[in-house]
């Protein structure tokens, strides 16, 4: 039947959009930001160790970061209690 593959999100910061065509060979490109110069892409989890150094060595790539999505707690309901979100009160 159909089997899901584990994927790892990568955020690739670029200096030129020419490298986007090359990045398509390494994984699935989800989003390209023209203004902030980054690419959000997904790579098979088994190939991350092999693909990451190759992407870092590309000509127009500044840096590559792993997405923290898999490490986040899915049961968090209130962001204020975790300290990730701070409400803005007029009294402060």
N, C-alpha and C. Protein backbone atom coordinates (compact mmCIF):
# COMPACT_ATOMS: atom_id res chain seq x y z
N UNK A 1 0.83 -1.18 0.00
CA UNK A 1 0.00 0.00 0.00
C UNK A 1 0.88 1.24 0.00
N UNK A 2 0.40 2.32 0.56
CA UNK A 2 1.12 3.59 0.58
C UNK A 2 1.89 3.73 1.89
N UNK A 3 3.16 4.10 1.78
CA UNK A 3 4.00 4.23 2.97
C UNK A 3 4.55 5.65 3.07
N UNK A 4 4.43 6.26 4.24
CA UNK A 4 4.95 7.60 4.45
C UNK A 4 6.45 7.57 4.68
N UNK A 5 7.15 8.54 4.14
CA UNK A 5 8.58 8.65 4.37
C UNK A 5 8.84 9.80 5.33
N UNK A 6 9.76 9.59 6.25
CA UNK A 6 10.15 10.64 7.19
C UNK A 6 10.90 11.73 6.43
N UNK A 7 10.55 12.98 6.70
CA UNK A 7 11.20 14.09 6.03
C UNK A 7 11.73 15.08 7.05
N UNK A 8 12.79 15.77 6.66
CA UNK A 8 13.39 16.80 7.51
C UNK A 8 13.31 18.13 6.77
N UNK A 9 12.83 19.15 7.44
CA UNK A 9 12.75 20.48 6.84
C UNK A 9 14.09 21.18 6.93
N UNK A 10 14.48 21.85 5.85
CA UNK A 10 15.71 22.63 5.82
C UNK A 10 15.37 24.06 5.42
N UNK A 11 16.01 25.01 6.09
CA UNK A 11 15.89 26.41 5.71
C UNK A 11 17.25 26.80 5.14
N UNK A 12 17.28 27.13 3.85
CA UNK A 12 18.52 27.43 3.15
C UNK A 12 18.53 28.92 2.84
N UNK A 13 19.49 29.64 3.40
CA UNK A 13 19.63 31.07 3.14
C UNK A 13 20.53 31.25 1.92
N UNK A 14 20.04 32.02 0.95
CA UNK A 14 20.72 32.13 -0.33
C UNK A 14 21.06 33.58 -0.65
N UNK A 15 22.02 33.77 -1.56
CA UNK A 15 22.36 35.12 -2.02
C UNK A 15 21.79 35.40 -3.40
N UNK A 16 21.49 34.37 -4.16
CA UNK A 16 20.93 34.52 -5.49
C UNK A 16 19.89 33.43 -5.71
N UNK A 17 18.83 33.76 -6.46
CA UNK A 17 17.78 32.77 -6.70
C UNK A 17 18.16 31.76 -7.78
N UNK A 18 19.30 31.90 -8.40
CA UNK A 18 19.75 30.92 -9.38
C UNK A 18 19.96 29.54 -8.76
N UNK A 19 20.33 29.51 -7.52
CA UNK A 19 20.63 28.25 -6.85
C UNK A 19 19.37 27.42 -6.59
N UNK A 20 18.19 28.02 -6.73
CA UNK A 20 16.94 27.30 -6.48
C UNK A 20 16.79 26.13 -7.46
N UNK A 21 17.21 26.34 -8.70
CA UNK A 21 17.14 25.25 -9.68
C UNK A 21 18.01 24.07 -9.28
N UNK A 22 19.15 24.35 -8.68
CA UNK A 22 20.06 23.29 -8.24
C UNK A 22 19.50 22.59 -7.00
N UNK A 23 18.86 23.34 -6.12
CA UNK A 23 18.31 22.76 -4.89
C UNK A 23 17.19 21.77 -5.16
N UNK A 24 16.53 21.89 -6.31
CA UNK A 24 15.47 20.94 -6.66
C UNK A 24 15.97 19.50 -6.76
N UNK A 25 17.25 19.33 -7.03
CA UNK A 25 17.82 17.98 -7.15
C UNK A 25 17.99 17.30 -5.79
N UNK A 26 18.02 18.08 -4.71
CA UNK A 26 18.28 17.52 -3.39
C UNK A 26 17.01 17.20 -2.61
N UNK A 27 15.89 17.82 -2.94
CA UNK A 27 14.66 17.57 -2.21
C UNK A 27 13.51 18.36 -2.80
N UNK A 28 12.41 18.41 -2.06
CA UNK A 28 11.22 19.11 -2.53
C UNK A 28 11.20 20.52 -1.97
N UNK A 29 11.13 21.50 -2.85
CA UNK A 29 11.10 22.90 -2.44
C UNK A 29 9.66 23.27 -2.12
N UNK A 30 9.46 23.77 -0.90
CA UNK A 30 8.12 24.14 -0.45
C UNK A 30 7.86 25.62 -0.67
N UNK A 31 8.84 26.48 -0.39
CA UNK A 31 8.62 27.92 -0.46
C UNK A 31 9.94 28.63 -0.76
N UNK A 32 9.87 29.68 -1.58
CA UNK A 32 11.02 30.51 -1.88
C UNK A 32 10.64 31.94 -1.55
N UNK A 33 11.39 32.57 -0.64
CA UNK A 33 11.15 33.96 -0.27
C UNK A 33 12.06 34.85 -1.09
N UNK A 34 11.45 35.70 -1.92
CA UNK A 34 12.24 36.62 -2.75
C UNK A 34 12.78 37.78 -1.92
N UNK A 35 11.99 38.21 -0.96
CA UNK A 35 12.39 39.37 -0.18
C UNK A 35 13.43 39.04 0.89
N UNK A 36 13.26 37.93 1.59
CA UNK A 36 14.16 37.58 2.69
C UNK A 36 15.25 36.60 2.29
N UNK A 37 15.25 36.16 1.04
CA UNK A 37 16.31 35.33 0.46
C UNK A 37 16.53 34.01 1.23
N UNK A 38 15.49 33.23 1.31
CA UNK A 38 15.64 31.89 1.87
C UNK A 38 14.72 30.92 1.13
N UNK A 39 15.05 29.63 1.26
CA UNK A 39 14.27 28.57 0.64
C UNK A 39 13.90 27.59 1.73
N UNK A 40 12.62 27.22 1.79
CA UNK A 40 12.16 26.17 2.69
C UNK A 40 11.99 24.91 1.87
N UNK A 41 12.71 23.86 2.24
CA UNK A 41 12.65 22.63 1.47
C UNK A 41 12.62 21.42 2.38
N UNK A 42 12.18 20.29 1.84
CA UNK A 42 12.10 19.04 2.58
C UNK A 42 12.99 17.99 1.91
N UNK A 43 13.72 17.26 2.75
CA UNK A 43 14.64 16.21 2.29
C UNK A 43 14.28 14.93 3.05
N UNK A 44 14.44 13.79 2.41
CA UNK A 44 14.21 12.52 3.09
C UNK A 44 15.14 12.43 4.30
N UNK A 45 14.59 11.99 5.43
CA UNK A 45 15.33 11.97 6.69
C UNK A 45 16.59 11.08 6.61
N UNK A 46 16.54 10.02 5.84
CA UNK A 46 17.69 9.13 5.72
C UNK A 46 18.84 9.77 4.94
N UNK A 47 18.55 10.78 4.13
CA UNK A 47 19.58 11.39 3.29
C UNK A 47 20.11 12.71 3.83
N UNK A 48 19.65 13.15 4.98
CA UNK A 48 20.04 14.46 5.50
C UNK A 48 21.54 14.55 5.73
N UNK A 49 22.14 13.53 6.30
CA UNK A 49 23.58 13.56 6.59
C UNK A 49 24.41 13.66 5.31
N UNK A 50 23.93 13.10 4.24
CA UNK A 50 24.64 13.14 2.97
C UNK A 50 24.40 14.44 2.21
N UNK A 51 23.17 14.94 2.25
CA UNK A 51 22.79 16.11 1.46
C UNK A 51 23.23 17.42 2.10
N UNK A 52 23.23 17.51 3.42
CA UNK A 52 23.53 18.76 4.11
C UNK A 52 24.89 19.34 3.76
N UNK A 53 25.99 18.57 3.79
CA UNK A 53 27.28 19.16 3.40
C UNK A 53 27.34 19.56 1.92
N UNK A 54 26.62 18.84 1.07
CA UNK A 54 26.62 19.19 -0.35
C UNK A 54 25.90 20.51 -0.59
N UNK A 55 24.80 20.74 0.12
CA UNK A 55 24.07 22.01 -0.03
C UNK A 55 24.89 23.17 0.52
N UNK A 56 25.59 22.95 1.64
CA UNK A 56 26.41 24.01 2.22
C UNK A 56 27.54 24.46 1.30
N UNK A 57 28.00 23.56 0.43
CA UNK A 57 29.11 23.90 -0.46
C UNK A 57 28.67 24.55 -1.77
N UNK A 58 27.38 24.67 -1.99
CA UNK A 58 26.91 25.32 -3.22
C UNK A 58 27.30 26.78 -3.23
N UNK A 59 27.42 27.32 -4.41
CA UNK A 59 27.99 28.65 -4.60
C UNK A 59 27.21 29.78 -3.93
N UNK A 60 25.93 29.85 -4.09
CA UNK A 60 25.14 30.97 -3.58
C UNK A 60 24.40 30.67 -2.29
N UNK A 61 24.89 29.73 -1.51
CA UNK A 61 24.26 29.37 -0.24
C UNK A 61 25.07 29.98 0.90
N UNK A 62 24.40 30.76 1.75
CA UNK A 62 25.07 31.37 2.90
C UNK A 62 25.14 30.38 4.06
N UNK A 63 23.98 29.85 4.45
CA UNK A 63 23.95 28.88 5.54
C UNK A 63 22.70 28.02 5.43
N UNK A 64 22.73 26.89 6.14
CA UNK A 64 21.61 25.95 6.13
C UNK A 64 21.26 25.62 7.57
N UNK A 65 19.99 25.68 7.89
CA UNK A 65 19.52 25.35 9.24
C UNK A 65 18.49 24.24 9.16
N UNK A 66 18.52 23.35 10.13
CA UNK A 66 17.49 22.31 10.24
C UNK A 66 16.25 22.91 10.87
N UNK A 67 15.11 22.53 10.38
CA UNK A 67 13.85 23.02 10.93
C UNK A 67 13.59 22.36 12.29
N UNK A 68 13.19 23.14 13.29
CA UNK A 68 12.93 22.56 14.62
C UNK A 68 11.54 21.95 14.74
N UNK A 69 10.82 21.78 13.66
CA UNK A 69 9.44 21.33 13.70
C UNK A 69 9.29 19.98 14.40
N UNK A 70 10.19 19.04 14.17
CA UNK A 70 10.06 17.71 14.76
C UNK A 70 10.35 17.70 16.26
N UNK A 71 11.05 18.70 16.76
CA UNK A 71 11.38 18.73 18.18
C UNK A 71 10.33 19.47 19.01
N UNK A 72 9.37 20.13 18.37
CA UNK A 72 8.35 20.87 19.11
C UNK A 72 7.34 19.92 19.74
N UNK A 73 6.81 20.32 20.89
CA UNK A 73 5.83 19.52 21.61
C UNK A 73 4.45 19.73 20.98
N UNK A 74 3.82 18.69 20.45
CA UNK A 74 2.52 18.87 19.81
C UNK A 74 1.37 19.11 20.78
N UNK A 75 1.61 18.92 22.07
CA UNK A 75 0.55 19.07 23.05
C UNK A 75 0.48 20.46 23.66
N UNK A 76 1.29 21.39 23.21
CA UNK A 76 1.28 22.74 23.76
C UNK A 76 0.01 23.45 23.32
N UNK A 77 -0.74 23.94 24.28
CA UNK A 77 -1.99 24.62 23.99
C UNK A 77 -1.84 26.11 24.18
N UNK A 78 -1.13 26.51 25.22
CA UNK A 78 -1.01 27.91 25.58
C UNK A 78 0.44 28.37 25.38
N UNK A 79 0.68 29.24 24.40
CA UNK A 79 2.04 29.70 24.13
C UNK A 79 2.56 30.65 25.20
N UNK A 80 1.67 31.30 25.92
CA UNK A 80 2.11 32.21 26.97
C UNK A 80 2.78 31.45 28.11
N UNK A 81 2.31 30.25 28.41
CA UNK A 81 2.88 29.47 29.50
C UNK A 81 4.27 28.93 29.15
N UNK A 82 4.57 28.77 27.88
CA UNK A 82 5.89 28.28 27.48
C UNK A 82 6.92 29.38 27.41
N UNK A 83 6.49 30.63 27.34
CA UNK A 83 7.42 31.74 27.23
C UNK A 83 7.74 32.11 25.79
N UNK A 84 7.14 31.41 24.83
CA UNK A 84 7.39 31.73 23.42
C UNK A 84 6.63 32.97 22.97
N UNK A 85 5.54 33.24 23.61
CA UNK A 85 4.70 34.36 23.22
C UNK A 85 4.47 35.24 24.42
N UNK A 86 4.70 36.53 24.26
CA UNK A 86 4.48 37.47 25.34
C UNK A 86 3.41 38.46 24.92
N UNK A 87 2.35 38.56 25.72
CA UNK A 87 1.27 39.46 25.35
C UNK A 87 1.68 40.89 25.63
N UNK A 88 1.15 41.79 24.84
CA UNK A 88 1.44 43.21 24.97
C UNK A 88 0.29 43.88 25.72
N UNK A 89 0.56 44.31 26.94
CA UNK A 89 -0.45 45.01 27.71
C UNK A 89 -0.17 46.50 27.65
N UNK A 90 -1.21 47.30 27.68
CA UNK A 90 -1.05 48.75 27.65
C UNK A 90 -0.50 49.29 28.96
N UNK A 91 -0.68 48.53 30.06
CA UNK A 91 -0.23 48.99 31.37
C UNK A 91 1.28 48.90 31.52
N UNK A 92 1.93 48.04 30.77
CA UNK A 92 3.38 47.84 30.94
C UNK A 92 4.19 48.88 30.27
